Amino acid sequence: MDVVIPVVGGLFAWWFGTGLLFVLARASNRSDPSALMAGATVVALAAGVAVLALRPVDTPVGAATGFAMAVLLWGWHEFAFLSGVVTGPERRPCPPQLQGWARFRFGFASVSHHELALAATVAILGVASWGAANPSAFLAFTVLWAMRISAKLNLFFGVPFPNRHLFPPRLQHLSALVPQRRPGSFYWGSMVAITTATVALFMAAASAGTGADRVTFLLAGTLAALAVLEHLAMVIPLRLEGLWGLEGEESTGQVG
């Protein structure tokens, strides 16, 4: 049970958090997202304060709570992106004649504010967790960040099933940056890396010396395993939005 509960809890946090983002992103795309963004910001700030308060809490509950705070912080970034509030200065579809480095620069300009905000949050959490007894929030957020970078790069390079229907209306211009093509060496290399990281996190949980460390690594490993599933959905026609009863509907994005 000390393994099952954290894994099931991590899966539920992913499922519930993603479903909530579906709802909030749709609401924000129907009207001005300012009020929802303000509320999400208050929640994210509270989560940040909680991460600091949890620094000395070296217990399984403390580790699980730190994980939950990381999910809340991640949710803020995802909502800010999906609602079009924090994306990048470039809002045009990518011109088809752009190739190579020019296309990459254009793509980064389309999401640069979002990417820099994520990187800044990783850095802040790293400093806040330095020497802390409870680094759960930092590890969970870093896993989400690394796995999402891999997913974005794979979409940029091209995959068989880019799932462009997941882009919300305010981000439809990004669909031009997501080509549909056979997976290349980067995809297979990233799959090996992600799978290796997932196994390493679960092995670290198995050899953890304390219950808190076990929960920390189990939750991070669950996120990494979900990233493997997300990457598989790029080459296999898996409509993951069906987990929220959204088959056949236009979706708005996903968390992990």
Protein backbone atom coordinates (compact mmCIF):
# COMPACT_ATOMS: atom_id res chain seq x y z
CA MET A 1 0.00 0.00 0.00
CA ASP A 2 2.93 2.39 0.59
CA VAL A 3 3.56 2.13 -3.17
CA VAL A 4 0.00 1.98 -4.48
CA ILE A 5 -1.31 5.05 -2.66
CA PRO A 6 1.34 7.54 -3.96
CA VAL A 7 1.09 6.19 -7.53
CA VAL A 8 -2.71 6.31 -7.52
CA GLY A 9 -2.54 9.76 -5.94
CA GLY A 10 -0.18 10.98 -8.66
CA LEU A 11 -2.43 9.58 -11.37
CA PHE A 12 -5.47 11.22 -9.84
CA ALA A 13 -3.68 14.58 -9.53
CA TRP A 14 -2.77 14.38 -13.23
CA TRP A 15 -6.28 13.36 -14.28
CA PHE A 16 -8.09 15.89 -12.11
CA GLY A 17 -5.65 18.73 -12.83
CA THR A 18 -5.83 18.18 -16.57
CA GLY A 19 -9.62 18.01 -16.49
CA LEU A 20 -9.78 21.23 -14.51
CA LEU A 21 -7.50 22.90 -17.06
CA PHE A 22 -9.80 21.77 -19.85
CA VAL A 23 -12.69 23.49 -18.10
CA LEU A 24 -10.83 26.68 -17.19
CA ALA A 25 -9.16 27.04 -20.59
CA ARG A 26 -12.50 26.70 -22.36
CA ALA A 27 -14.03 29.29 -20.06
CA SER A 28 -11.12 31.68 -20.65
CA ASN A 29 -11.40 31.31 -24.42
CA ARG A 30 -15.07 32.31 -24.35
CA SER A 31 -14.43 35.58 -22.50
CA ASP A 32 -11.78 37.80 -20.95
CA PRO A 33 -9.48 35.50 -18.92
CA SER A 34 -8.37 38.27 -16.52
CA ALA A 35 -10.56 37.23 -13.58
CA LEU A 36 -9.66 33.55 -13.89
CA MET A 37 -6.00 34.46 -14.27
CA ALA A 38 -6.12 36.60 -11.13
CA GLY A 39 -7.65 33.74 -9.16
CA ALA A 40 -5.10 31.26 -10.49
CA THR A 41 -2.29 33.65 -9.55
CA VAL A 42 -3.51 33.86 -5.96
CA VAL A 43 -3.55 30.06 -5.78
CA ALA A 44 -0.05 29.84 -7.28
CA LEU A 45 1.35 32.38 -4.82
CA ALA A 46 -0.17 30.44 -1.94
CA ALA A 47 1.42 27.27 -3.33
CA GLY A 48 4.79 29.00 -3.46
CA VAL A 49 4.49 30.05 0.19
CA ALA A 50 3.50 26.49 1.08
CA VAL A 51 6.65 25.14 -0.62
CA LEU A 52 8.75 27.33 1.68
CA ALA A 53 6.78 26.24 4.73
CA LEU A 54 7.25 22.58 3.77
CA ARG A 55 11.05 22.78 3.60
CA PRO A 56 11.64 21.05 6.96
CA VAL A 57 8.68 18.64 6.77
CA ASP A 58 10.40 15.31 6.11
CA THR A 59 7.32 13.06 6.18
CA PRO A 60 5.33 11.16 3.54
CA VAL A 61 2.45 13.61 3.95
CA GLY A 62 4.85 16.52 3.56
CA ALA A 63 6.27 14.99 0.38
CA ALA A 64 2.78 14.45 -1.04
CA THR A 65 1.81 18.01 -0.16
CA GLY A 66 4.93 19.37 -1.84
CA PHE A 67 4.00 17.39 -4.95
CA ALA A 68 0.52 18.89 -4.86
CA MET A 69 2.00 22.40 -4.63
CA ALA A 70 4.17 21.68 -7.68
CA VAL A 71 1.08 20.59 -9.62
CA LEU A 72 -0.68 23.83 -8.65
CA LEU A 73 2.30 25.89 -9.80
CA TRP A 74 2.45 23.92 -13.04
CA GLY A 75 -1.26 24.43 -13.50
CA TRP A 76 -0.78 28.21 -13.28
CA HIS A 77 1.77 28.12 -16.09
CA GLU A 78 -0.40 25.86 -18.23
CA PHE A 79 -3.48 28.00 -17.73
CA ALA A 80 -1.53 31.19 -18.48
CA PHE A 81 -0.33 29.57 -21.71
CA LEU A 82 -3.60 27.97 -22.83
CA SER A 83 -5.56 31.16 -22.17
CA GLY A 84 -3.08 33.13 -24.29
CA VAL A 85 -1.97 35.37 -21.41
CA VAL A 86 1.66 34.18 -21.27
CA THR A 87 2.89 32.86 -24.62
CA GLY A 88 5.37 34.87 -26.69
CA PRO A 89 5.65 38.05 -28.77
CA GLU A 90 5.14 36.24 -32.08
CA ARG A 91 1.44 35.57 -32.74
CA ARG A 92 1.50 34.78 -36.48
CA PRO A 93 1.43 31.31 -38.02
CA CYS A 94 4.91 30.21 -39.00
CA PRO A 95 5.61 31.10 -42.68
CA PRO A 96 6.01 27.83 -44.62
CA GLN A 97 9.25 28.98 -46.26
CA LEU A 98 11.09 29.14 -42.91
CA GLN A 99 13.38 26.19 -42.32
CA GLY A 100 16.13 25.15 -39.92
CA TRP A 101 17.38 27.71 -37.44
CA ALA A 102 15.05 30.45 -38.72
CA ARG A 103 12.04 28.22 -38.07
CA PHE A 104 13.33 27.36 -34.59
CA ARG A 105 13.80 31.04 -33.73
CA PHE A 106 10.29 31.80 -34.95
CA GLY A 107 8.91 28.92 -32.90
CA PHE A 108 10.72 30.03 -29.76
CA ALA A 109 9.46 33.59 -30.22
CA SER A 110 5.94 32.15 -30.27
CA VAL A 111 6.33 30.61 -26.78
CA SER A 112 9.35 32.40 -25.29
CA HIS A 113 7.56 34.15 -22.42
CA HIS A 114 6.01 30.85 -21.35
CA GLU A 115 9.32 28.99 -21.58
CA LEU A 116 11.24 31.66 -19.67
CA ALA A 117 8.59 31.73 -16.94
CA LEU A 118 8.87 27.94 -16.55
CA ALA A 119 12.66 28.08 -16.40
CA ALA A 120 12.51 30.88 -13.83
CA THR A 121 10.14 28.83 -11.68
CA VAL A 122 12.49 25.83 -11.81
CA ALA A 123 15.35 28.08 -10.72
CA ILE A 124 13.31 29.63 -7.88
CA LEU A 125 12.15 26.23 -6.64
CA GLY A 126 15.73 24.99 -6.83
CA VAL A 127 16.94 27.83 -4.63
CA ALA A 128 13.98 27.42 -2.26
CA SER A 129 14.65 23.68 -1.95
CA TRP A 130 18.42 23.94 -1.56
CA GLY A 131 19.34 22.02 1.60
CA ALA A 132 15.68 21.39 2.40
CA ALA A 133 14.52 18.15 3.97
CA ASN A 134 11.57 18.12 1.58
CA PRO A 135 12.53 18.70 -2.10
CA SER A 136 9.37 17.06 -3.45
CA ALA A 137 7.96 20.18 -5.11
CA PHE A 138 11.22 20.94 -6.88
CA LEU A 139 11.67 17.38 -8.17
CA ALA A 140 8.05 17.08 -9.37
CA PHE A 141 8.10 20.44 -11.15
CA THR A 142 11.48 19.71 -12.74
CA VAL A 143 10.23 16.37 -14.08
CA LEU A 144 7.16 18.07 -15.55
CA TRP A 145 9.36 20.75 -17.11
CA ALA A 146 11.89 18.35 -18.62
CA MET A 147 9.23 16.02 -20.00
CA ARG A 148 7.28 18.92 -21.49
CA ILE A 149 10.39 20.29 -23.22
CA SER A 150 10.88 16.87 -24.79
CA ALA A 151 7.24 16.78 -25.92
CA LYS A 152 7.42 20.28 -27.42
CA LEU A 153 10.62 19.55 -29.32
CA ASN A 154 9.17 16.33 -30.69
CA LEU A 155 6.08 18.19 -31.88
CA PHE A 156 8.31 20.83 -33.46
CA PHE A 157 10.42 18.26 -35.31
CA GLY A 158 7.31 16.36 -36.39
CA VAL A 159 5.43 13.23 -35.34
CA PRO A 160 2.71 11.11 -37.00
CA PHE A 161 -0.04 12.29 -34.66
CA PRO A 162 0.62 15.90 -33.57
CA ASN A 163 -2.92 16.24 -32.15
CA ARG A 164 -3.40 19.77 -33.44
CA HIS A 165 -7.02 19.63 -32.28
CA LEU A 166 -5.70 20.15 -28.74
CA PHE A 167 -4.65 23.74 -29.49
CA PRO A 168 -7.21 26.21 -28.08
CA PRO A 169 -8.48 29.05 -30.29
CA ARG A 170 -5.96 31.59 -28.99
CA LEU A 171 -3.08 29.24 -29.86
CA GLN A 172 -4.22 28.03 -33.25
CA HIS A 173 -1.31 29.89 -34.86
CA LEU A 174 1.03 27.36 -33.22
CA SER A 175 -0.40 24.50 -35.25
CA ALA A 176 1.71 25.65 -38.20
CA LEU A 177 4.79 24.78 -36.15
CA VAL A 178 3.68 21.17 -35.64
CA PRO A 179 4.26 19.12 -38.81
CA GLN A 180 2.88 15.65 -39.35
CA ARG A 181 5.67 13.28 -40.33
CA ARG A 182 7.33 10.03 -39.37
CA PRO A 183 9.26 10.14 -36.06
CA GLY A 184 12.98 10.72 -36.40
CA SER A 185 16.02 9.93 -34.31
CA PHE A 186 15.20 12.66 -31.81
CA TYR A 187 11.90 10.99 -30.97
CA TRP A 188 13.44 7.58 -30.36
CA GLY A 189 16.30 9.08 -28.38
CA SER A 190 13.91 11.04 -26.18
CA MET A 191 11.79 7.92 -25.61
CA VAL A 192 14.87 6.04 -24.42
CA ALA A 193 15.82 8.95 -22.14
CA ILE A 194 12.34 9.33 -20.68
CA THR A 195 11.91 5.61 -20.11
CA THR A 196 15.33 5.43 -18.47
CA ALA A 197 14.47 8.36 -16.22
CA THR A 198 11.17 6.72 -15.27
CA VAL A 199 12.89 3.46 -14.32
CA ALA A 200 15.57 5.37 -12.39
CA LEU A 201 12.98 7.27 -10.36
CA PHE A 202 11.09 4.11 -9.45
CA MET A 203 14.35 2.38 -8.55
CA ALA A 204 15.27 5.33 -6.34
CA ALA A 205 11.88 4.93 -4.64
CA ALA A 206 12.53 1.23 -4.07
CA SER A 207 15.88 1.94 -2.41
CA ALA A 208 14.79 5.08 -0.52
CA GLY A 209 15.80 5.19 3.11
CA THR A 210 12.75 7.05 4.40
CA GLY A 211 9.03 7.05 3.72
CA ALA A 212 9.22 10.68 2.62
CA ASP A 213 11.89 9.94 0.02
CA ARG A 214 9.91 6.95 -1.22
CA VAL A 215 6.82 9.07 -1.77
CA THR A 216 8.86 11.83 -3.42
CA PHE A 217 10.41 9.47 -5.98
CA LEU A 218 7.21 7.48 -6.55
CA LEU A 219 5.26 10.63 -7.40
CA ALA A 220 8.01 11.94 -9.68
CA GLY A 221 8.26 8.53 -11.34
CA THR A 222 4.52 8.53 -11.95
CA LEU A 223 4.79 11.86 -13.75
CA ALA A 224 7.64 10.50 -15.87
CA ALA A 225 5.59 7.40 -16.73
CA LEU A 226 2.71 9.64 -17.82
CA ALA A 227 5.17 11.49 -20.06
CA VAL A 228 6.00 8.18 -21.74
CA LEU A 229 2.27 7.76 -22.41
CA GLU A 230 2.07 11.30 -23.80
CA HIS A 231 4.98 10.61 -26.14
CA LEU A 232 3.42 7.34 -27.28
CA ALA A 233 0.28 9.29 -28.21
CA MET A 234 2.42 11.12 -30.76
CA VAL A 235 3.05 7.95 -32.78
CA ILE A 236 -0.01 5.87 -31.90
CA PRO A 237 -3.57 7.19 -32.42
CA LEU A 238 -4.38 7.46 -28.71
CA ARG A 239 -7.02 10.10 -28.00
CA LEU A 240 -6.07 10.76 -24.39
CA GLU A 241 -8.78 13.42 -24.09
CA GLY A 242 -11.21 10.52 -23.99
CA LEU A 243 -10.17 10.06 -20.34
CA TRP A 244 -12.21 13.20 -19.64
CA GLY A 245 -15.13 12.28 -21.92
CA LEU A 246 -14.02 14.68 -24.64
CA GLU A 247 -13.93 12.38 -27.67
CA GLY A 248 -15.05 14.13 -30.81
CA GLU A 249 -14.89 17.56 -29.17
CA GLU A 250 -12.37 20.30 -29.70
CA SER A 251 -10.03 20.21 -26.75
CA THR A 252 -7.84 22.84 -25.24
CA GLY A 253 -4.59 21.33 -24.05
CA GLN A 254 -3.19 19.04 -21.42
CA VAL A 255 -1.15 19.18 -18.24
CA GLY A 256 1.52 16.70 -18.28
